[in-house]
């Protein structure tokens, strides 16, 4: 599929996925990390940007559908969203720890 320019980042799917990744479910760790760090809104926004249906994206993430060259762009965008979200969650958690520590006089 190569580089695709859209509303999101420039994604080179060949740098994320190898030929042997296609035709089977994504690996279990990637599935867990994507589920933990993305929301339904991320799925919906990426479905619009990639022209891959919400249900296909969901099924690939939950490993009930295989990765294909057609849905790899959407999953690559989801990986980017999860990466950005994980930083936001980390910063939020650090702030929460400081706040709660102050309340507990730690």
C-alpha atoms as a PDB file:
ATOM      1  CA  UNK A   1       0.000   0.000   0.000  1.00  0.00           C
ATOM      2  CA  UNK A   2       2.939   2.360   0.654  1.00  0.00           C
ATOM      3  CA  UNK A   3       2.624   5.927   1.834  1.00  0.00           C
ATOM      4  CA  UNK A   4      -0.838   7.375   2.085  1.00  0.00           C
ATOM      5  CA  UNK A   5      -1.536  11.029   2.752  1.00  0.00           C
ATOM      6  CA  UNK A   6      -4.790  11.870   4.403  1.00  0.00           C
ATOM      7  CA  UNK A   7      -6.083  13.944   7.235  1.00  0.00           C
ATOM      8  CA  UNK A   8      -3.853  12.075   9.672  1.00  0.00           C
ATOM      9  CA  UNK A   9      -0.137  11.362   9.749  1.00  0.00           C
ATOM     10  CA  UNK A  10       1.744  10.037   6.744  1.00  0.00           C
ATOM     11  CA  UNK A  11       1.808   6.304   7.348  1.00  0.00           C
ATOM     12  CA  UNK A  12       4.113   3.816   5.686  1.00  0.00           C
ATOM     13  CA  UNK A  13       2.358   0.542   6.361  1.00  0.00           C
ATOM     14  CA  UNK A  14       5.341  -1.426   5.048  1.00  0.00           C
ATOM     15  CA  UNK A  15       7.419  -0.084   7.956  1.00  0.00           C
ATOM     16  CA  UNK A  16       4.840  -1.287  10.489  1.00  0.00           C
ATOM     17  CA  UNK A  17       3.685  -4.589   8.981  1.00  0.00           C
ATOM     18  CA  UNK A  18       5.582  -7.303   7.128  1.00  0.00           C
ATOM     19  CA  UNK A  19       4.190  -9.568   4.399  1.00  0.00           C
ATOM     20  CA  UNK A  20       3.883 -12.417   6.898  1.00  0.00           C
ATOM     21  CA  UNK A  21       1.571 -10.283   9.110  1.00  0.00           C
ATOM     22  CA  UNK A  22      -1.197 -10.249   6.497  1.00  0.00           C
ATOM     23  CA  UNK A  23      -3.924 -12.872   6.363  1.00  0.00           C
ATOM     24  CA  UNK A  24      -3.947 -13.538  10.092  1.00  0.00           C
ATOM     25  CA  UNK A  25      -4.987 -11.723  13.275  1.00  0.00           C
ATOM     26  CA  UNK A  26      -2.703  -9.045  14.715  1.00  0.00           C
ATOM     27  CA  UNK A  27      -0.547 -10.258  17.576  1.00  0.00           C
ATOM     28  CA  UNK A  28      -2.107 -10.453  21.009  1.00  0.00           C
ATOM     29  CA  UNK A  29       0.084  -7.786  22.609  1.00  0.00           C
ATOM     30  CA  UNK A  30      -0.762  -5.246  19.902  1.00  0.00           C
ATOM     31  CA  UNK A  31      -4.447  -6.063  20.391  1.00  0.00           C
ATOM     32  CA  UNK A  32      -4.237  -5.446  24.151  1.00  0.00           C
ATOM     33  CA  UNK A  33      -2.275  -2.212  23.759  1.00  0.00           C
ATOM     34  CA  UNK A  34      -4.663  -0.857  21.114  1.00  0.00           C
ATOM     35  CA  UNK A  35      -7.707  -1.704  23.242  1.00  0.00           C
ATOM     36  CA  UNK A  36      -6.166  -0.068  26.307  1.00  0.00           C
ATOM     37  CA  UNK A  37      -5.089   3.129  24.539  1.00  0.00           C
ATOM     38  CA  UNK A  38      -7.868   3.881  22.034  1.00  0.00           C
ATOM     39  CA  UNK A  39     -11.541   4.761  22.261  1.00  0.00           C
ATOM     40  CA  UNK A  40     -14.643   4.231  20.150  1.00  0.00           C
ATOM     41  CA  UNK A  41     -14.177   7.819  18.946  1.00  0.00           C
ATOM     42  CA  UNK A  42     -10.682   6.922  17.703  1.00  0.00           C
ATOM     43  CA  UNK A  43     -12.167   3.959  15.814  1.00  0.00           C
ATOM     44  CA  UNK A  44     -14.903   6.153  14.308  1.00  0.00           C
ATOM     45  CA  UNK A  45     -12.523   8.949  13.265  1.00  0.00           C
ATOM     46  CA  UNK A  46     -10.101   6.498  11.697  1.00  0.00           C
ATOM     47  CA  UNK A  47     -12.939   4.717   9.890  1.00  0.00           C
ATOM     48  CA  UNK A  48     -13.821   8.042   8.258  1.00  0.00           C
ATOM     49  CA  UNK A  49     -10.197   8.894   7.373  1.00  0.00           C
ATOM     50  CA  UNK A  50      -9.339   5.456   6.013  1.00  0.00           C
ATOM     51  CA  UNK A  51     -12.605   4.356   4.373  1.00  0.00           C
ATOM     52  CA  UNK A  52     -12.413   1.154   6.407  1.00  0.00           C
ATOM     53  CA  UNK A  53     -15.567   0.399   8.389  1.00  0.00           C
ATOM     54  CA  UNK A  54     -15.729   0.813  12.143  1.00  0.00           C
ATOM     55  CA  UNK A  55     -16.702  -2.847  12.468  1.00  0.00           C
ATOM     56  CA  UNK A  56     -13.722  -4.039  10.415  1.00  0.00           C
ATOM     57  CA  UNK A  57     -11.335  -1.962  12.533  1.00  0.00           C
ATOM     58  CA  UNK A  58     -12.949  -3.298  15.723  1.00  0.00           C
ATOM     59  CA  UNK A  59     -12.804  -6.883  14.486  1.00  0.00           C
ATOM     60  CA  UNK A  60      -9.115  -6.606  13.566  1.00  0.00           C
ATOM     61  CA  UNK A  61      -8.298  -5.062  16.948  1.00  0.00           C
ATOM     62  CA  UNK A  62     -10.254  -7.771  18.793  1.00  0.00           C
ATOM     63  CA  UNK A  63      -8.591 -10.437  16.601  1.00  0.00           C
ATOM     64  CA  UNK A  64     -11.830 -11.792  15.107  1.00  0.00           C
ATOM     65  CA  UNK A  65     -10.751 -10.589  11.652  1.00  0.00           C
ATOM     66  CA  UNK A  66      -7.368 -10.779   9.943  1.00  0.00           C
ATOM     67  CA  UNK A  67      -5.053  -7.964   8.974  1.00  0.00           C
ATOM     68  CA  UNK A  68      -5.200  -7.303   5.226  1.00  0.00           C
ATOM     69  CA  UNK A  69      -3.472  -4.874   2.901  1.00  0.00           C
ATOM     70  CA  UNK A  70      -6.843  -3.075   2.705  1.00  0.00           C
ATOM     71  CA  UNK A  71      -7.298  -2.559   6.459  1.00  0.00           C
ATOM     72  CA  UNK A  72      -3.613  -2.129   7.384  1.00  0.00           C
ATOM     73  CA  UNK A  73      -3.747   1.647   6.820  1.00  0.00           C
ATOM     74  CA  UNK A  74      -6.582   1.986   9.347  1.00  0.00           C
ATOM     75  CA  UNK A  75      -4.735  -0.149  11.893  1.00  0.00           C
ATOM     76  CA  UNK A  76      -1.576   1.907  11.324  1.00  0.00           C
ATOM     77  CA  UNK A  77      -3.537   5.098  12.048  1.00  0.00           C
ATOM     78  CA  UNK A  78      -4.931   3.424  15.162  1.00  0.00           C
ATOM     79  CA  UNK A  79      -1.384   2.594  16.294  1.00  0.00           C
ATOM     80  CA  UNK A  80      -0.509   6.290  15.934  1.00  0.00           C
ATOM     81  CA  UNK A  81      -3.598   7.286  17.936  1.00  0.00           C
ATOM     82  CA  UNK A  82      -2.739   4.760  20.667  1.00  0.00           C
ATOM     83  CA  UNK A  83       0.822   6.107  20.815  1.00  0.00           C
ATOM     84  CA  UNK A  84      -0.390   9.689  21.244  1.00  0.00           C
ATOM     85  CA  UNK A  85      -3.100   8.670  23.726  1.00  0.00           C
ATOM     86  CA  UNK A  86      -0.622   6.703  25.842  1.00  0.00           C
ATOM     87  CA  UNK A  87       1.434   9.868  26.386  1.00  0.00           C
ATOM     88  CA  UNK A  88      -1.685  11.811  27.354  1.00  0.00           C
ATOM     89  CA  UNK A  89      -2.727   9.059  29.799  1.00  0.00           C
ATOM     90  CA  UNK A  90       0.775   9.055  31.319  1.00  0.00           C
ATOM     91  CA  UNK A  91       0.751  12.814  31.883  1.00  0.00           C
ATOM     92  CA  UNK A  92      -2.743  12.645  33.346  1.00  0.00           C
ATOM     93  CA  UNK A  93      -1.747   9.795  35.681  1.00  0.00           C
ATOM     94  CA  UNK A  94       1.346  11.701  36.864  1.00  0.00           C
ATOM     95  CA  UNK A  95      -0.824  14.719  37.696  1.00  0.00           C
ATOM     96  CA  UNK A  96      -3.335  12.496  39.487  1.00  0.00           C
ATOM     97  CA  UNK A  97      -0.553  10.885  41.547  1.00  0.00           C
ATOM     98  CA  UNK A  98       0.691  14.307  42.691  1.00  0.00           C
ATOM     99  CA  UNK A  99      -2.841  15.476  43.540  1.00  0.00           C
ATOM    100  CA  UNK A 100      -3.726  12.314  45.444  1.00  0.00           C
ATOM    101  CA  UNK A 101      -0.356  12.254  47.194  1.00  0.00           C
ATOM    102  CA  UNK A 102      -0.998  15.801  48.432  1.00  0.00           C
ATOM    103  CA  UNK A 103      -4.419  14.758  49.727  1.00  0.00           C
ATOM    104  CA  UNK A 104      -2.862  11.827  51.559  1.00  0.00           C
ATOM    105  CA  UNK A 105       0.020  13.999  52.820  1.00  0.00           C
ATOM    106  CA  UNK A 106       2.591  11.714  51.168  1.00  0.00           C
END
